[in-house]
């Protein structure tokens, strides 16, 4: 099981055409995109779903900032390459189990980390470095300046962790803005994802 943080080149910094996440006219309080699609499910689970961690395959985290009505919105996108030995379907199932075992609904309501003290996923931004951490997943990276500025202004990032594999977006491989916009804005990506308003914290508090 491999984890990579992918922040390579200006093309991953800002993709203004990613409208599927922050759809026009669907902004919630404080500029947070309000989701109006997908089934509503509870984030409380009484049991965990067993899965093979190796089935997750290679997990990748990507960051960029996009235009919103009230300024730039910092986004984080996590996905699997679907390269597990058991195939992409196994990777999809494993990512879904990982999220649901941590109380993060796939295809359900937006999880507001500011209102949920027990949120199992955290974002640490310190000295130009961003660290995303949750049980079974950890990624550390050096995001671009525009993303850091947007996080500092808003105090959070909009985190999308999708179960949909993206095998073409390998670590170290250049990604065109159009490809990122197409994948990140697709209903197949968004409806198969957990959506989280992820508060950013620093070691200074």
N, C-alpha and C. Protein backbone atom coordinates (compact mmCIF):
# COMPACT_ATOMS: atom_id res chain seq x y z
N UNK A 1 0.85 -1.18 0.00
CA UNK A 1 0.00 0.00 0.00
C UNK A 1 0.89 1.23 0.00
N UNK A 2 0.75 2.10 -1.00
CA UNK A 2 1.60 3.26 -1.15
C UNK A 2 0.79 4.54 -1.07
N UNK A 3 1.38 5.59 -0.52
CA UNK A 3 0.72 6.87 -0.42
C UNK A 3 1.62 7.92 -1.05
N UNK A 4 1.06 8.74 -1.91
CA UNK A 4 1.80 9.81 -2.54
C UNK A 4 1.02 11.10 -2.42
N UNK A 5 1.73 12.20 -2.27
CA UNK A 5 1.12 13.52 -2.35
C UNK A 5 1.60 14.14 -3.65
N UNK A 6 0.69 14.58 -4.46
CA UNK A 6 1.03 15.03 -5.80
C UNK A 6 0.76 16.52 -5.92
N UNK A 7 1.81 17.33 -5.92
CA UNK A 7 1.70 18.77 -6.08
C UNK A 7 2.79 19.18 -7.06
N UNK A 8 2.62 18.90 -8.31
CA UNK A 8 3.69 19.11 -9.27
C UNK A 8 3.22 20.03 -10.39
N UNK A 9 3.79 21.25 -10.44
CA UNK A 9 3.53 22.15 -11.54
C UNK A 9 2.33 23.03 -11.31
N UNK A 10 2.31 24.16 -12.00
CA UNK A 10 1.25 25.14 -11.83
C UNK A 10 -0.10 24.62 -12.28
N UNK A 11 -0.11 23.62 -13.16
CA UNK A 11 -1.38 23.11 -13.65
C UNK A 11 -2.22 22.48 -12.55
N UNK A 12 -1.58 22.10 -11.44
CA UNK A 12 -2.32 21.50 -10.33
C UNK A 12 -2.65 22.52 -9.26
N UNK A 13 -2.27 23.75 -9.46
CA UNK A 13 -2.51 24.77 -8.45
C UNK A 13 -3.90 25.35 -8.57
N UNK A 14 -4.29 25.66 -9.79
CA UNK A 14 -5.56 26.35 -9.96
C UNK A 14 -6.25 25.86 -11.22
N UNK A 15 -7.44 25.29 -11.06
CA UNK A 15 -8.23 24.83 -12.19
C UNK A 15 -9.62 25.43 -12.04
N UNK A 16 -9.82 26.57 -12.70
CA UNK A 16 -11.06 27.32 -12.50
C UNK A 16 -12.28 26.63 -13.09
N UNK A 17 -12.05 25.65 -13.96
CA UNK A 17 -13.18 25.00 -14.60
C UNK A 17 -13.69 23.79 -13.83
N UNK A 18 -13.17 23.53 -12.66
CA UNK A 18 -13.71 22.45 -11.82
C UNK A 18 -14.95 22.98 -11.14
N UNK A 19 -16.10 22.80 -11.75
CA UNK A 19 -17.34 23.34 -11.23
C UNK A 19 -18.23 22.30 -10.58
N UNK A 20 -17.86 21.02 -10.72
CA UNK A 20 -18.72 19.99 -10.14
C UNK A 20 -18.68 19.98 -8.63
N UNK A 21 -17.59 20.47 -8.03
CA UNK A 21 -17.48 20.49 -6.58
C UNK A 21 -18.15 21.74 -6.03
N UNK A 22 -17.78 22.88 -6.56
CA UNK A 22 -18.40 24.13 -6.13
C UNK A 22 -19.28 24.62 -7.27
N UNK A 23 -20.49 24.13 -7.32
CA UNK A 23 -21.37 24.47 -8.42
C UNK A 23 -21.95 25.87 -8.24
N UNK A 24 -22.10 26.57 -9.35
CA UNK A 24 -22.62 27.93 -9.30
C UNK A 24 -24.00 27.95 -8.69
N UNK A 25 -24.19 28.84 -7.71
CA UNK A 25 -25.49 28.97 -7.06
C UNK A 25 -25.75 27.96 -5.98
N UNK A 26 -24.76 27.16 -5.64
CA UNK A 26 -24.96 26.13 -4.63
C UNK A 26 -23.97 26.27 -3.49
N UNK A 27 -23.64 27.50 -3.14
CA UNK A 27 -22.69 27.72 -2.07
C UNK A 27 -23.40 27.84 -0.74
N UNK A 28 -22.86 27.14 0.24
CA UNK A 28 -23.42 27.19 1.58
C UNK A 28 -22.80 28.30 2.39
N UNK A 29 -23.03 28.32 3.70
CA UNK A 29 -22.48 29.36 4.56
C UNK A 29 -20.97 29.41 4.48
N UNK A 30 -20.43 30.63 4.42
CA UNK A 30 -18.99 30.81 4.41
C UNK A 30 -18.34 30.37 3.11
N UNK A 31 -19.13 30.26 2.04
CA UNK A 31 -18.56 29.89 0.76
C UNK A 31 -18.35 28.40 0.58
N UNK A 32 -18.80 27.59 1.55
CA UNK A 32 -18.64 26.14 1.44
C UNK A 32 -19.65 25.60 0.45
N UNK A 33 -19.21 24.84 -0.56
CA UNK A 33 -20.16 24.30 -1.54
C UNK A 33 -21.22 23.45 -0.85
N UNK A 34 -22.48 23.68 -1.21
CA UNK A 34 -23.58 22.89 -0.67
C UNK A 34 -23.92 21.79 -1.67
N UNK A 35 -23.85 20.54 -1.26
CA UNK A 35 -24.10 19.42 -2.16
C UNK A 35 -25.58 19.14 -2.24
N UNK A 36 -26.08 19.00 -3.45
CA UNK A 36 -27.48 18.73 -3.67
C UNK A 36 -27.68 17.46 -4.48
N UNK A 37 -26.80 16.52 -4.27
CA UNK A 37 -26.88 15.27 -5.00
C UNK A 37 -26.36 14.17 -4.11
N UNK A 38 -26.68 12.92 -4.48
CA UNK A 38 -26.25 11.79 -3.67
C UNK A 38 -27.25 11.49 -2.57
N UNK A 39 -27.18 10.29 -2.06
CA UNK A 39 -28.11 9.86 -1.03
C UNK A 39 -27.66 10.38 0.33
N UNK A 40 -28.60 10.61 1.18
CA UNK A 40 -28.29 11.05 2.54
C UNK A 40 -28.10 9.81 3.41
N UNK A 41 -26.95 9.71 4.04
CA UNK A 41 -26.69 8.57 4.91
C UNK A 41 -26.13 9.07 6.23
N UNK A 42 -26.33 8.29 7.27
CA UNK A 42 -25.81 8.68 8.58
C UNK A 42 -24.33 8.42 8.65
N UNK A 43 -23.62 9.23 9.45
CA UNK A 43 -22.18 9.03 9.61
C UNK A 43 -21.87 8.20 10.85
N UNK A 44 -22.89 7.68 11.51
CA UNK A 44 -22.71 6.86 12.69
C UNK A 44 -22.82 5.39 12.31
N UNK A 45 -21.79 4.62 12.62
CA UNK A 45 -21.79 3.20 12.29
C UNK A 45 -21.51 2.39 13.55
N UNK A 46 -22.24 1.28 13.68
CA UNK A 46 -22.08 0.45 14.87
C UNK A 46 -21.07 -0.68 14.65
N UNK A 47 -20.67 -0.90 13.40
CA UNK A 47 -19.70 -1.95 13.12
C UNK A 47 -18.82 -1.52 11.96
N UNK A 48 -17.66 -2.15 11.89
CA UNK A 48 -16.72 -1.81 10.83
C UNK A 48 -16.77 -2.86 9.72
N UNK A 49 -16.36 -2.44 8.54
CA UNK A 49 -16.32 -3.33 7.39
C UNK A 49 -14.89 -3.84 7.21
N UNK A 50 -14.68 -5.14 7.30
CA UNK A 50 -13.33 -5.67 7.10
C UNK A 50 -12.90 -5.51 5.65
N UNK A 51 -11.62 -5.24 5.44
CA UNK A 51 -11.10 -5.17 4.09
C UNK A 51 -9.59 -5.39 4.15
N UNK A 52 -9.02 -5.74 3.02
CA UNK A 52 -7.59 -5.96 2.90
C UNK A 52 -6.94 -4.64 2.52
N UNK A 53 -6.04 -4.13 3.38
CA UNK A 53 -5.41 -2.84 3.13
C UNK A 53 -4.66 -2.82 1.80
N UNK A 54 -4.15 -3.97 1.38
CA UNK A 54 -3.43 -4.02 0.11
C UNK A 54 -4.34 -3.72 -1.07
N UNK A 55 -5.64 -3.93 -0.89
CA UNK A 55 -6.60 -3.66 -1.96
C UNK A 55 -6.77 -2.17 -2.23
N UNK A 56 -6.32 -1.31 -1.30
CA UNK A 56 -6.41 0.13 -1.54
C UNK A 56 -5.59 0.54 -2.76
N UNK A 57 -4.53 -0.19 -3.03
CA UNK A 57 -3.64 0.19 -4.12
C UNK A 57 -2.86 1.44 -3.76
N UNK A 58 -2.45 2.18 -4.77
CA UNK A 58 -1.71 3.42 -4.55
C UNK A 58 -2.70 4.56 -4.33
N UNK A 59 -2.62 5.21 -3.19
CA UNK A 59 -3.47 6.36 -2.90
C UNK A 59 -2.71 7.65 -3.16
N UNK A 60 -3.37 8.58 -3.81
CA UNK A 60 -2.75 9.84 -4.20
C UNK A 60 -3.57 11.01 -3.66
N UNK A 61 -2.90 12.06 -3.23
CA UNK A 61 -3.56 13.30 -2.81
C UNK A 61 -3.10 14.43 -3.72
N UNK A 62 -4.06 15.20 -4.21
CA UNK A 62 -3.78 16.31 -5.11
C UNK A 62 -4.44 17.57 -4.55
N UNK A 63 -3.79 18.72 -4.72
CA UNK A 63 -4.34 19.98 -4.22
C UNK A 63 -4.35 21.03 -5.31
N UNK A 64 -5.37 21.86 -5.29
CA UNK A 64 -5.42 23.03 -6.16
C UNK A 64 -6.39 24.03 -5.55
N UNK A 65 -6.34 25.26 -6.01
CA UNK A 65 -7.31 26.26 -5.56
C UNK A 65 -8.15 26.69 -6.75
N UNK A 66 -9.44 26.85 -6.53
CA UNK A 66 -10.35 27.24 -7.60
C UNK A 66 -11.16 28.45 -7.20
N UNK A 67 -11.70 29.13 -8.19
CA UNK A 67 -12.50 30.33 -7.94
C UNK A 67 -13.82 29.97 -7.28
N UNK A 68 -14.21 30.77 -6.31
CA UNK A 68 -15.51 30.71 -5.66
C UNK A 68 -16.05 32.14 -5.61
N UNK A 69 -17.36 32.32 -5.38
CA UNK A 69 -17.92 33.67 -5.37
C UNK A 69 -17.24 34.61 -4.38
N UNK A 70 -16.72 34.06 -3.29
CA UNK A 70 -16.11 34.92 -2.27
C UNK A 70 -14.59 34.76 -2.21
N UNK A 71 -13.97 34.33 -3.31
CA UNK A 71 -12.52 34.21 -3.34
C UNK A 71 -12.09 32.81 -3.74
N UNK A 72 -10.83 32.49 -3.46
CA UNK A 72 -10.30 31.18 -3.81
C UNK A 72 -10.71 30.13 -2.78
N UNK A 73 -11.03 28.92 -3.28
CA UNK A 73 -11.35 27.78 -2.43
C UNK A 73 -10.22 26.77 -2.54
N UNK A 74 -9.60 26.38 -1.41
CA UNK A 74 -8.56 25.36 -1.46
C UNK A 74 -9.18 23.96 -1.45
N UNK A 75 -8.82 23.15 -2.43
CA UNK A 75 -9.35 21.80 -2.55
C UNK A 75 -8.25 20.77 -2.32
N UNK A 76 -8.67 19.64 -1.77
CA UNK A 76 -7.84 18.44 -1.69
C UNK A 76 -8.63 17.30 -2.31
N UNK A 77 -7.98 16.53 -3.16
CA UNK A 77 -8.61 15.37 -3.78
C UNK A 77 -7.76 14.15 -3.51
N UNK A 78 -8.37 13.12 -2.93
CA UNK A 78 -7.69 11.85 -2.69
C UNK A 78 -8.38 10.77 -3.52
N UNK A 79 -7.57 9.90 -4.11
CA UNK A 79 -8.11 8.84 -4.95
C UNK A 79 -7.11 7.70 -5.01
N UNK A 80 -7.57 6.56 -5.50
CA UNK A 80 -6.70 5.41 -5.72
C UNK A 80 -6.41 5.27 -7.21
N UNK A 81 -5.23 4.74 -7.50
CA UNK A 81 -4.93 4.42 -8.89
C UNK A 81 -5.65 3.16 -9.36
N UNK A 82 -6.20 2.42 -8.40
CA UNK A 82 -6.89 1.18 -8.75
C UNK A 82 -5.94 0.08 -9.18
N UNK A 83 -4.70 0.16 -8.68
CA UNK A 83 -3.66 -0.77 -9.14
C UNK A 83 -3.41 -1.91 -8.17
N UNK A 84 -4.39 -2.22 -7.33
CA UNK A 84 -4.23 -3.37 -6.43
C UNK A 84 -4.20 -4.66 -7.24
N UNK A 85 -3.57 -5.67 -6.68
CA UNK A 85 -3.46 -6.94 -7.38
C UNK A 85 -4.82 -7.53 -7.70
N UNK A 86 -5.81 -7.24 -6.85
CA UNK A 86 -7.15 -7.78 -7.05
C UNK A 86 -7.98 -6.96 -8.03
N UNK A 87 -7.42 -5.86 -8.53
CA UNK A 87 -8.11 -5.09 -9.55
C UNK A 87 -8.75 -3.81 -9.03
N UNK A 88 -9.20 -2.93 -9.94
CA UNK A 88 -9.77 -1.65 -9.54
C UNK A 88 -11.06 -1.76 -8.74
N UNK A 89 -11.85 -2.80 -9.00
CA UNK A 89 -13.08 -2.97 -8.22
C UNK A 89 -12.76 -3.20 -6.75
N UNK A 90 -11.70 -3.97 -6.50
CA UNK A 90 -11.28 -4.21 -5.12
C UNK A 90 -10.79 -2.92 -4.47
N UNK A 91 -10.10 -2.08 -5.24
CA UNK A 91 -9.63 -0.79 -4.71
C UNK A 91 -10.80 0.10 -4.35
N UNK A 92 -11.80 0.14 -5.21
CA UNK A 92 -13.00 0.93 -4.91
C UNK A 92 -13.66 0.48 -3.63
N UNK A 93 -13.84 -0.82 -3.47
CA UNK A 93 -14.47 -1.37 -2.27
C UNK A 93 -13.64 -1.09 -1.03
N UNK A 94 -12.31 -1.18 -1.16
CA UNK A 94 -11.44 -0.95 -0.01
C UNK A 94 -11.46 0.51 0.43
N UNK A 95 -11.44 1.43 -0.53
CA UNK A 95 -11.51 2.85 -0.17
C UNK A 95 -12.84 3.17 0.49
N UNK A 96 -13.92 2.61 -0.03
CA UNK A 96 -15.23 2.84 0.56
C UNK A 96 -15.26 2.32 2.00
N UNK A 97 -14.69 1.14 2.23
CA UNK A 97 -14.65 0.59 3.59
C UNK A 97 -13.80 1.46 4.50
N UNK A 98 -12.66 1.95 4.00
CA UNK A 98 -11.80 2.83 4.78
C UNK A 98 -12.55 4.07 5.22
N UNK A 99 -13.28 4.68 4.31
CA UNK A 99 -14.02 5.90 4.64
C UNK A 99 -15.16 5.62 5.61
N UNK A 100 -15.94 4.60 5.31
CA UNK A 100 -17.10 4.32 6.15
C UNK A 100 -16.69 3.84 7.54
N UNK A 101 -15.59 3.13 7.64
CA UNK A 101 -15.09 2.71 8.95
C UNK A 101 -14.66 3.91 9.79
N UNK A 102 -14.35 5.01 9.13
CA UNK A 102 -13.99 6.23 9.85
C UNK A 102 -15.17 7.21 9.96
N UNK A 103 -16.37 6.72 9.67
CA UNK A 103 -17.56 7.55 9.82
C UNK A 103 -17.70 8.63 8.78
N UNK A 104 -17.12 8.42 7.60
CA UNK A 104 -17.19 9.40 6.52
C UNK A 104 -18.08 8.83 5.42
N UNK A 105 -19.30 9.36 5.28
CA UNK A 105 -20.27 8.78 4.35
C UNK A 105 -19.87 8.99 2.89
N UNK A 106 -19.93 7.93 2.12
CA UNK A 106 -19.65 7.99 0.69
C UNK A 106 -20.95 8.30 -0.05
N UNK A 107 -20.96 9.38 -0.81
CA UNK A 107 -22.15 9.76 -1.54
C UNK A 107 -23.23 10.36 -0.66
N UNK A 108 -22.88 10.72 0.55
CA UNK A 108 -23.85 11.26 1.47
C UNK A 108 -23.66 12.74 1.71
N UNK A 109 -24.05 13.19 2.89
CA UNK A 109 -24.02 14.60 3.21
C UNK A 109 -22.60 15.11 3.41
N UNK A 110 -22.46 16.41 3.24
CA UNK A 110 -21.20 17.08 3.53
C UNK A 110 -20.90 16.99 5.02
N UNK A 111 -19.69 16.57 5.37
CA UNK A 111 -19.26 16.49 6.76
C UNK A 111 -18.53 17.79 7.11
N UNK A 112 -19.07 18.53 8.06
CA UNK A 112 -18.47 19.79 8.49
C UNK A 112 -17.55 19.52 9.66
N UNK A 113 -16.25 19.53 9.40
CA UNK A 113 -15.29 19.26 10.45
C UNK A 113 -15.27 20.31 11.54
N UNK A 114 -15.74 21.52 11.25
CA UNK A 114 -15.80 22.57 12.27
C UNK A 114 -16.85 22.27 13.33
N UNK A 115 -17.83 21.46 12.97
CA UNK A 115 -18.92 21.15 13.89
C UNK A 115 -18.82 19.73 14.44
N UNK A 116 -17.75 19.03 14.12
CA UNK A 116 -17.61 17.63 14.54
C UNK A 116 -16.25 17.44 15.20
N UNK A 117 -16.25 17.48 16.51
CA UNK A 117 -14.99 17.41 17.25
C UNK A 117 -14.32 16.05 17.13
N UNK A 118 -15.08 15.01 16.83
CA UNK A 118 -14.54 13.66 16.74
C UNK A 118 -14.12 13.29 15.33
N UNK A 119 -13.98 14.26 14.45
CA UNK A 119 -13.60 13.97 13.07
C UNK A 119 -12.28 13.21 13.04
N UNK A 120 -12.23 12.04 12.37
CA UNK A 120 -11.01 11.22 12.41
C UNK A 120 -9.94 11.67 11.42
N UNK A 121 -10.23 12.65 10.58
CA UNK A 121 -9.25 13.12 9.60
C UNK A 121 -8.84 14.54 9.97
N UNK A 122 -7.56 14.83 9.82
CA UNK A 122 -7.05 16.15 10.21
C UNK A 122 -6.13 16.70 9.12
N UNK A 123 -5.99 18.02 9.14
CA UNK A 123 -5.10 18.72 8.21
C UNK A 123 -4.20 19.64 9.01
N UNK A 124 -2.91 19.39 8.94
CA UNK A 124 -1.90 20.23 9.59
C UNK A 124 -1.15 21.00 8.52
N UNK A 125 -1.14 22.32 8.65
CA UNK A 125 -0.40 23.18 7.73
C UNK A 125 0.63 23.94 8.53
N UNK A 126 1.90 23.68 8.24
CA UNK A 126 2.98 24.25 9.04
C UNK A 126 4.22 24.41 8.15
N UNK A 127 4.78 25.61 8.16
CA UNK A 127 6.02 25.89 7.45
C UNK A 127 5.94 25.50 5.97
N UNK A 128 4.81 25.78 5.35
CA UNK A 128 4.65 25.49 3.94
C UNK A 128 4.37 24.05 3.61
N UNK A 129 4.14 23.22 4.62
CA UNK A 129 3.87 21.81 4.42
C UNK A 129 2.45 21.47 4.88
N UNK A 130 1.78 20.62 4.14
CA UNK A 130 0.45 20.17 4.51
C UNK A 130 0.48 18.67 4.79
N UNK A 131 -0.14 18.27 5.88
CA UNK A 131 -0.20 16.87 6.27
C UNK A 131 -1.66 16.48 6.48
N UNK A 132 -2.12 15.51 5.70
CA UNK A 132 -3.46 14.95 5.88
C UNK A 132 -3.30 13.61 6.57
N UNK A 133 -4.04 13.43 7.66
CA UNK A 133 -3.88 12.21 8.45
C UNK A 133 -5.24 11.67 8.86
N UNK A 134 -5.42 10.36 8.72
CA UNK A 134 -6.58 9.66 9.25
C UNK A 134 -6.17 8.20 9.43
N UNK A 135 -6.88 7.45 10.25
CA UNK A 135 -6.52 6.05 10.43
C UNK A 135 -6.48 5.31 9.09
N UNK A 136 -5.32 4.75 8.76
CA UNK A 136 -5.15 4.03 7.52
C UNK A 136 -4.69 4.87 6.36
N UNK A 137 -4.47 6.17 6.58
CA UNK A 137 -4.09 7.06 5.49
C UNK A 137 -3.30 8.24 6.03
N UNK A 138 -2.17 8.54 5.38
CA UNK A 138 -1.36 9.69 5.77
C UNK A 138 -0.60 10.19 4.54
N UNK A 139 -0.65 11.50 4.33
CA UNK A 139 0.08 12.08 3.21
C UNK A 139 0.67 13.42 3.64
N UNK A 140 1.92 13.65 3.30
CA UNK A 140 2.60 14.91 3.60
C UNK A 140 3.13 15.49 2.30
N UNK A 141 2.97 16.80 2.14
CA UNK A 141 3.37 17.41 0.88
C UNK A 141 3.66 18.89 1.08
N UNK A 142 4.21 19.50 0.03
CA UNK A 142 4.49 20.93 0.02
C UNK A 142 3.60 21.56 -1.05
N UNK A 143 2.45 22.08 -0.67
CA UNK A 143 1.51 22.61 -1.66
C UNK A 143 1.94 23.96 -2.20
N UNK A 144 1.35 24.38 -3.32
CA UNK A 144 1.69 25.66 -3.93
C UNK A 144 1.26 26.85 -3.09
N UNK A 145 1.83 28.00 -3.39
CA UNK A 145 1.58 29.20 -2.60
C UNK A 145 0.12 29.62 -2.64
N UNK A 146 -0.54 29.52 -3.79
CA UNK A 146 -1.94 29.95 -3.89
C UNK A 146 -2.83 29.11 -2.99
N UNK A 147 -2.53 27.82 -2.91
CA UNK A 147 -3.32 26.94 -2.05
C UNK A 147 -3.11 27.31 -0.59
N UNK A 148 -1.86 27.55 -0.21
CA UNK A 148 -1.55 27.93 1.16
C UNK A 148 -2.22 29.25 1.54
N UNK A 149 -2.24 30.19 0.61
CA UNK A 149 -2.89 31.47 0.88
C UNK A 149 -4.39 31.29 1.07
N UNK A 150 -5.00 30.45 0.26
CA UNK A 150 -6.44 30.22 0.38
C UNK A 150 -6.78 29.53 1.69
N UNK A 151 -5.95 28.57 2.11
CA UNK A 151 -6.18 27.88 3.39
C UNK A 151 -6.01 28.85 4.55
N UNK A 152 -5.01 29.70 4.48
CA UNK A 152 -4.79 30.67 5.56
C UNK A 152 -5.95 31.63 5.67
N UNK A 153 -6.54 32.01 4.56
CA UNK A 153 -7.66 32.94 4.57
C UNK A 153 -8.93 32.30 5.10
N UNK A 154 -9.21 31.06 4.67
CA UNK A 154 -10.46 30.41 5.03
C UNK A 154 -10.38 29.59 6.32
N UNK A 155 -9.20 29.04 6.60
CA UNK A 155 -9.07 28.21 7.79
C UNK A 155 -9.46 26.77 7.57
N UNK A 156 -9.73 26.38 6.33
CA UNK A 156 -10.10 24.99 6.04
C UNK A 156 -9.81 24.71 4.57
N UNK A 157 -9.84 23.42 4.22
CA UNK A 157 -9.80 22.98 2.83
C UNK A 157 -11.02 22.11 2.58
N UNK A 158 -11.48 22.12 1.34
CA UNK A 158 -12.59 21.25 0.95
C UNK A 158 -11.98 19.95 0.45
N UNK A 159 -12.18 18.88 1.22
CA UNK A 159 -11.52 17.59 0.97
C UNK A 159 -12.51 16.63 0.33
N UNK A 160 -12.14 16.11 -0.82
CA UNK A 160 -12.94 15.11 -1.52
C UNK A 160 -12.12 13.83 -1.61
N UNK A 161 -12.61 12.77 -0.98
CA UNK A 161 -11.93 11.48 -1.01
C UNK A 161 -12.85 10.53 -1.78
N UNK A 162 -12.50 10.27 -3.03
CA UNK A 162 -13.38 9.48 -3.89
C UNK A 162 -12.95 8.02 -3.96
N UNK A 163 -13.94 7.16 -4.14
CA UNK A 163 -13.67 5.73 -4.31
C UNK A 163 -13.42 5.40 -5.78
N UNK A 164 -13.61 6.37 -6.64
CA UNK A 164 -13.43 6.14 -8.09
C UNK A 164 -11.94 6.13 -8.45
N UNK A 165 -11.43 5.08 -9.03
CA UNK A 165 -10.02 5.04 -9.41
C UNK A 165 -9.71 6.02 -10.54
N UNK A 166 -8.48 6.53 -10.52
CA UNK A 166 -7.99 7.39 -11.60
C UNK A 166 -6.61 6.88 -11.98
N UNK A 167 -6.55 5.81 -12.76
CA UNK A 167 -5.28 5.16 -13.06
C UNK A 167 -4.33 6.02 -13.89
N UNK A 168 -4.85 6.98 -14.65
CA UNK A 168 -4.00 7.79 -15.50
C UNK A 168 -3.19 8.82 -14.71
N UNK A 169 -3.68 9.19 -13.52
CA UNK A 169 -3.05 10.27 -12.75
C UNK A 169 -2.01 9.70 -11.79
N UNK A 170 -0.94 9.20 -12.35
CA UNK A 170 0.11 8.59 -11.55
C UNK A 170 1.04 9.65 -10.95
N UNK A 171 1.61 9.39 -9.77
CA UNK A 171 2.57 10.32 -9.18
C UNK A 171 3.74 10.58 -10.12
N UNK A 172 4.11 11.83 -10.28
CA UNK A 172 5.22 12.19 -11.13
C UNK A 172 4.85 12.38 -12.59
N UNK A 173 3.61 12.07 -12.94
CA UNK A 173 3.17 12.21 -14.33
C UNK A 173 2.42 13.53 -14.48
N UNK A 174 2.80 14.37 -15.46
CA UNK A 174 2.11 15.65 -15.65
C UNK A 174 0.62 15.44 -15.93
N UNK A 175 -0.21 16.29 -15.32
CA UNK A 175 -1.65 16.21 -15.49
C UNK A 175 -2.14 17.54 -16.05
N UNK A 176 -2.82 17.48 -17.17
CA UNK A 176 -3.34 18.69 -17.78
C UNK A 176 -4.53 19.22 -16.98
N UNK A 177 -4.70 20.55 -16.92
CA UNK A 177 -5.84 21.13 -16.20
C UNK A 177 -7.17 20.57 -16.68
N UNK A 178 -7.29 20.32 -17.99
CA UNK A 178 -8.55 19.79 -18.51
C UNK A 178 -8.84 18.41 -17.96
N UNK A 179 -7.81 17.59 -17.80
CA UNK A 179 -7.99 16.24 -17.27
C UNK A 179 -8.41 16.30 -15.80
N UNK A 180 -7.78 17.19 -15.04
CA UNK A 180 -8.15 17.35 -13.64
C UNK A 180 -9.58 17.85 -13.52
N UNK A 181 -9.95 18.83 -14.34
CA UNK A 181 -11.31 19.37 -14.31
C UNK A 181 -12.33 18.30 -14.65
N UNK A 182 -12.01 17.48 -15.65
CA UNK A 182 -12.95 16.44 -16.07
C UNK A 182 -13.15 15.40 -14.98
N UNK A 183 -12.06 14.97 -14.35
CA UNK A 183 -12.19 13.93 -13.32
C UNK A 183 -12.79 14.50 -12.04
N UNK A 184 -12.24 15.61 -11.54
CA UNK A 184 -12.70 16.15 -10.25
C UNK A 184 -14.12 16.68 -10.32
N UNK A 185 -14.56 17.10 -11.50
CA UNK A 185 -15.91 17.66 -11.62
C UNK A 185 -16.96 16.67 -12.06
N UNK A 186 -16.57 15.42 -12.33
CA UNK A 186 -17.53 14.43 -12.84
C UNK A 186 -18.45 13.93 -11.73
N UNK A 187 -19.72 13.72 -12.07
CA UNK A 187 -20.65 13.17 -11.10
C UNK A 187 -20.20 11.80 -10.61
N UNK A 188 -19.59 11.00 -11.51
CA UNK A 188 -19.12 9.67 -11.11
C UNK A 188 -18.05 9.78 -10.02
N UNK A 189 -17.28 10.85 -10.03
CA UNK A 189 -16.27 11.07 -8.99
C UNK A 189 -16.89 11.58 -7.72
N UNK A 190 -17.75 12.59 -7.85
CA UNK A 190 -18.30 13.28 -6.68
C UNK A 190 -19.33 12.43 -5.94
N UNK A 191 -20.15 11.71 -6.66
CA UNK A 191 -21.17 10.88 -6.01
C UNK A 191 -20.58 9.64 -5.36
N UNK A 192 -19.33 9.32 -5.69
CA UNK A 192 -18.64 8.17 -5.10
C UNK A 192 -17.61 8.62 -4.08
N UNK A 193 -17.82 9.79 -3.49
CA UNK A 193 -16.82 10.37 -2.60
C UNK A 193 -17.41 10.79 -1.26
N UNK A 194 -16.52 10.88 -0.28
CA UNK A 194 -16.84 11.57 0.97
C UNK A 194 -16.40 13.02 0.81
N UNK A 195 -17.24 13.95 1.26
CA UNK A 195 -16.98 15.38 1.14
C UNK A 195 -16.84 15.97 2.54
N UNK A 196 -15.73 16.61 2.78
CA UNK A 196 -15.41 17.06 4.14
C UNK A 196 -14.90 18.49 4.13
N UNK A 197 -15.48 19.33 4.96
CA UNK A 197 -14.88 20.63 5.27
C UNK A 197 -13.82 20.34 6.33
N UNK A 198 -12.56 20.42 5.93
CA UNK A 198 -11.47 19.96 6.77
C UNK A 198 -10.72 21.15 7.38
N UNK A 199 -10.93 21.39 8.68
CA UNK A 199 -10.24 22.53 9.32
C UNK A 199 -8.73 22.37 9.26
N UNK A 200 -8.06 23.49 9.00
CA UNK A 200 -6.59 23.49 8.98
C UNK A 200 -6.08 23.99 10.31
N UNK A 201 -5.13 23.29 10.85
CA UNK A 201 -4.52 23.72 12.10
C UNK A 201 -3.00 23.81 11.92
N UNK A 202 -2.36 24.48 12.84
CA UNK A 202 -0.91 24.57 12.84
C UNK A 202 -0.39 24.24 14.22
N UNK A 203 0.90 24.01 14.33
CA UNK A 203 1.48 23.69 15.63
C UNK A 203 1.41 24.88 16.58
N UNK A 204 1.17 26.05 16.01
CA UNK A 204 1.06 27.25 16.85
C UNK A 204 -0.37 27.47 17.34
N UNK A 205 -1.27 26.57 16.94
CA UNK A 205 -2.64 26.65 17.39
C UNK A 205 -3.57 27.27 16.38
